[in-house]
């Protein structure tokens, strides 16, 4: 699976996930593959490969149901079918 230009997708590869980070110095968006088990240990130690600036995790809220429409679990046409 490939990423869109804005780097807004989260991928799961076995026990490794690819997280999106943004450099606080140069603003570059970067995908970083991190083991799920090691994430809490290494998430704050990521540095930009371009300028060595600190990377901050980018959390995207795509694909979350908003509850709008006729049926909260319904389809876009308002039916309650899942």
N, C-alpha and C. Protein backbone atom coordinates (compact mmCIF):
# COMPACT_ATOMS: atom_id res chain seq x y z
N UNK A 1 0.85 -1.18 0.00
CA UNK A 1 0.00 0.00 0.00
C UNK A 1 0.89 1.24 0.00
N UNK A 2 0.57 2.21 -0.85
CA UNK A 2 1.41 3.40 -0.94
C UNK A 2 0.76 4.56 -0.20
N UNK A 3 1.58 5.54 0.15
CA UNK A 3 1.11 6.71 0.89
C UNK A 3 0.66 7.79 -0.07
N UNK A 4 -0.31 8.59 0.35
CA UNK A 4 -0.66 9.76 -0.44
C UNK A 4 0.38 10.84 -0.20
N UNK A 5 0.44 11.88 -1.03
CA UNK A 5 1.49 12.89 -0.92
C UNK A 5 1.58 13.57 0.45
N UNK A 6 0.48 13.67 1.16
CA UNK A 6 0.50 14.33 2.46
C UNK A 6 0.93 13.39 3.57
N UNK A 7 1.13 12.10 3.27
CA UNK A 7 1.57 11.14 4.28
C UNK A 7 0.53 10.90 5.34
N UNK A 8 -0.73 10.76 4.96
CA UNK A 8 -1.81 10.70 5.93
C UNK A 8 -2.27 9.29 6.27
N UNK A 9 -1.56 8.27 5.82
CA UNK A 9 -2.04 6.93 6.06
C UNK A 9 -1.19 6.22 7.11
N UNK A 10 -1.80 5.26 7.78
CA UNK A 10 -1.12 4.47 8.79
C UNK A 10 -1.12 3.02 8.29
N UNK A 11 0.02 2.40 8.26
CA UNK A 11 0.15 1.06 7.72
C UNK A 11 0.53 0.08 8.83
N UNK A 12 0.03 -1.13 8.72
CA UNK A 12 0.40 -2.17 9.67
C UNK A 12 1.11 -3.27 8.90
N UNK A 13 2.34 -3.56 9.30
CA UNK A 13 3.15 -4.60 8.66
C UNK A 13 3.56 -5.60 9.73
N UNK A 14 2.71 -6.56 10.00
CA UNK A 14 3.01 -7.52 11.07
C UNK A 14 3.00 -6.80 12.40
N UNK A 15 4.14 -6.79 13.09
CA UNK A 15 4.23 -6.09 14.37
C UNK A 15 4.92 -4.74 14.22
N UNK A 16 5.07 -4.28 13.01
CA UNK A 16 5.68 -2.98 12.76
C UNK A 16 4.63 -2.09 12.14
N UNK A 17 4.56 -0.86 12.62
CA UNK A 17 3.63 0.12 12.04
C UNK A 17 4.44 1.27 11.49
N UNK A 18 3.90 1.90 10.47
CA UNK A 18 4.55 3.08 9.91
C UNK A 18 3.78 4.30 10.39
N UNK A 19 4.47 5.14 11.13
CA UNK A 19 3.87 6.34 11.71
C UNK A 19 4.31 7.56 10.92
N UNK A 20 3.47 8.58 10.91
CA UNK A 20 3.79 9.83 10.25
C UNK A 20 4.30 10.84 11.27
N UNK A 21 5.43 11.44 10.95
CA UNK A 21 6.03 12.46 11.80
C UNK A 21 6.28 13.70 10.96
N UNK A 22 6.33 14.86 11.62
CA UNK A 22 6.66 16.12 10.96
C UNK A 22 7.81 16.77 11.71
N UNK A 23 8.80 17.24 10.96
CA UNK A 23 9.95 17.89 11.57
C UNK A 23 9.54 19.26 12.10
N UNK A 24 9.87 19.52 13.36
CA UNK A 24 9.54 20.81 13.97
C UNK A 24 10.43 21.93 13.43
N UNK A 25 11.55 21.57 12.80
CA UNK A 25 12.49 22.56 12.29
C UNK A 25 12.20 22.92 10.83
N UNK A 26 12.20 21.92 9.94
CA UNK A 26 12.05 22.19 8.51
C UNK A 26 10.66 21.90 7.96
N UNK A 27 9.80 21.23 8.74
CA UNK A 27 8.42 20.97 8.32
C UNK A 27 8.24 19.76 7.43
N UNK A 28 9.30 19.00 7.16
CA UNK A 28 9.23 17.81 6.29
C UNK A 28 8.37 16.73 6.93
N UNK A 29 7.45 16.13 6.14
CA UNK A 29 6.67 14.98 6.59
C UNK A 29 7.45 13.71 6.31
N UNK A 30 7.55 12.84 7.31
CA UNK A 30 8.38 11.64 7.20
C UNK A 30 7.62 10.45 7.76
N UNK A 31 7.69 9.32 7.05
CA UNK A 31 7.13 8.06 7.55
C UNK A 31 8.25 7.29 8.24
N UNK A 32 7.95 6.78 9.44
CA UNK A 32 8.94 6.04 10.21
C UNK A 32 8.34 4.70 10.61
N UNK A 33 9.04 3.60 10.29
CA UNK A 33 8.59 2.26 10.67
C UNK A 33 9.13 1.97 12.07
N UNK A 34 8.21 1.66 13.00
CA UNK A 34 8.58 1.40 14.38
C UNK A 34 7.84 0.15 14.85
N UNK A 35 8.55 -0.72 15.55
CA UNK A 35 7.93 -1.89 16.15
C UNK A 35 6.87 -1.44 17.16
N UNK A 36 5.73 -2.09 17.16
CA UNK A 36 4.67 -1.74 18.09
C UNK A 36 5.17 -1.85 19.53
N UNK A 37 5.97 -2.86 19.81
CA UNK A 37 6.48 -3.06 21.17
C UNK A 37 7.47 -1.98 21.58
N UNK A 38 8.18 -1.41 20.63
CA UNK A 38 9.21 -0.41 20.93
C UNK A 38 8.72 1.03 20.81
N UNK A 39 7.49 1.24 20.35
CA UNK A 39 7.00 2.59 20.04
C UNK A 39 7.16 3.57 21.21
N UNK A 40 6.70 3.19 22.40
CA UNK A 40 6.77 4.10 23.54
C UNK A 40 8.20 4.46 23.92
N UNK A 41 9.13 3.58 23.65
CA UNK A 41 10.53 3.83 23.99
C UNK A 41 11.21 4.77 23.00
N UNK A 42 10.82 4.72 21.73
CA UNK A 42 11.55 5.46 20.69
C UNK A 42 10.80 6.63 20.07
N UNK A 43 9.52 6.79 20.37
CA UNK A 43 8.72 7.82 19.68
C UNK A 43 9.26 9.23 19.89
N UNK A 44 9.81 9.53 21.04
CA UNK A 44 10.30 10.87 21.31
C UNK A 44 11.77 11.07 20.94
N UNK A 45 12.39 10.03 20.40
CA UNK A 45 13.80 10.12 20.01
C UNK A 45 14.00 10.18 18.51
N UNK A 46 12.95 10.44 17.76
CA UNK A 46 13.05 10.49 16.30
C UNK A 46 13.60 11.84 15.86
N UNK A 47 14.54 11.81 14.92
CA UNK A 47 15.10 13.05 14.38
C UNK A 47 14.99 13.06 12.86
N UNK A 48 14.89 14.25 12.31
CA UNK A 48 14.76 14.44 10.87
C UNK A 48 16.06 14.06 10.17
N UNK A 49 15.98 13.24 9.12
CA UNK A 49 17.18 12.86 8.38
C UNK A 49 17.75 14.01 7.54
N UNK A 50 16.96 15.06 7.32
CA UNK A 50 17.42 16.19 6.50
C UNK A 50 18.15 17.26 7.32
N UNK A 51 17.56 17.63 8.47
CA UNK A 51 18.14 18.75 9.24
C UNK A 51 18.47 18.37 10.68
N UNK A 52 18.19 17.12 11.07
CA UNK A 52 18.44 16.62 12.43
C UNK A 52 17.52 17.28 13.46
N UNK A 53 16.42 17.89 13.01
CA UNK A 53 15.45 18.50 13.92
C UNK A 53 14.60 17.43 14.59
N UNK A 54 13.89 17.81 15.64
CA UNK A 54 13.03 16.89 16.37
C UNK A 54 11.76 16.61 15.57
N UNK A 55 11.37 15.34 15.52
CA UNK A 55 10.14 14.95 14.83
C UNK A 55 9.00 14.86 15.83
N UNK A 56 7.84 15.35 15.41
CA UNK A 56 6.63 15.28 16.22
C UNK A 56 5.62 14.43 15.48
N UNK A 57 4.96 13.54 16.18
CA UNK A 57 3.98 12.63 15.59
C UNK A 57 2.81 13.40 15.02
N UNK A 58 2.41 13.05 13.81
CA UNK A 58 1.24 13.63 13.16
C UNK A 58 0.11 12.63 13.30
N UNK A 59 -0.97 13.04 13.92
CA UNK A 59 -2.12 12.15 14.10
C UNK A 59 -3.25 12.66 13.21
N UNK A 60 -3.67 11.83 12.29
CA UNK A 60 -4.74 12.17 11.36
C UNK A 60 -6.04 11.54 11.85
N UNK A 61 -7.13 12.23 11.63
CA UNK A 61 -8.43 11.74 12.08
C UNK A 61 -9.30 11.30 10.92
N UNK A 62 -8.72 10.76 9.88
CA UNK A 62 -9.48 10.30 8.74
C UNK A 62 -10.23 9.02 9.06
N UNK A 63 -11.38 8.87 8.49
CA UNK A 63 -12.12 7.61 8.58
C UNK A 63 -12.85 7.39 9.88
N UNK A 64 -13.03 8.40 10.69
CA UNK A 64 -13.77 8.25 11.94
C UNK A 64 -15.22 8.63 11.68
N UNK A 65 -16.15 7.77 12.09
CA UNK A 65 -17.57 8.03 11.88
C UNK A 65 -17.99 9.25 12.70
N UNK A 66 -18.75 10.12 12.08
CA UNK A 66 -19.18 11.35 12.76
C UNK A 66 -20.56 11.21 13.39
N UNK A 67 -21.30 10.20 13.00
CA UNK A 67 -22.64 10.02 13.55
C UNK A 67 -23.69 10.86 12.84
N UNK A 68 -23.34 11.46 11.73
CA UNK A 68 -24.33 12.26 11.01
C UNK A 68 -25.17 11.37 10.11
N UNK A 69 -26.33 11.82 9.78
CA UNK A 69 -27.19 11.06 8.89
C UNK A 69 -28.32 10.36 9.65
N UNK A 70 -29.13 9.63 8.91
CA UNK A 70 -30.31 8.99 9.48
C UNK A 70 -29.96 7.88 10.46
N UNK A 71 -28.99 7.08 10.14
CA UNK A 71 -28.60 5.99 11.02
C UNK A 71 -27.12 6.10 11.32
N UNK A 72 -26.78 6.13 12.60
CA UNK A 72 -25.37 6.34 12.97
C UNK A 72 -24.48 5.30 12.33
N UNK A 73 -24.94 4.05 12.30
CA UNK A 73 -24.17 2.97 11.68
C UNK A 73 -24.61 2.76 10.24
N UNK A 74 -25.47 3.61 9.75
CA UNK A 74 -26.04 3.43 8.43
C UNK A 74 -25.11 3.80 7.30
N UNK A 75 -25.57 3.50 6.11
CA UNK A 75 -24.82 3.85 4.91
C UNK A 75 -25.05 5.33 4.59
N UNK A 76 -24.33 5.81 3.60
CA UNK A 76 -24.46 7.22 3.22
C UNK A 76 -25.84 7.55 2.66
N UNK A 77 -26.59 6.51 2.24
CA UNK A 77 -27.93 6.77 1.72
C UNK A 77 -28.98 6.86 2.83
N UNK A 78 -28.53 6.76 4.09
CA UNK A 78 -29.45 6.88 5.23
C UNK A 78 -30.04 5.57 5.71
N UNK A 79 -29.78 4.45 4.99
CA UNK A 79 -30.30 3.17 5.46
C UNK A 79 -29.49 2.70 6.66
N UNK A 80 -30.08 1.80 7.44
CA UNK A 80 -29.40 1.29 8.64
C UNK A 80 -28.58 0.04 8.35
N UNK A 81 -28.49 -0.37 7.10
CA UNK A 81 -27.72 -1.57 6.76
C UNK A 81 -26.24 -1.32 6.98
N UNK A 82 -25.57 -2.31 7.44
CA UNK A 82 -24.11 -2.19 7.64
C UNK A 82 -23.38 -2.80 6.49
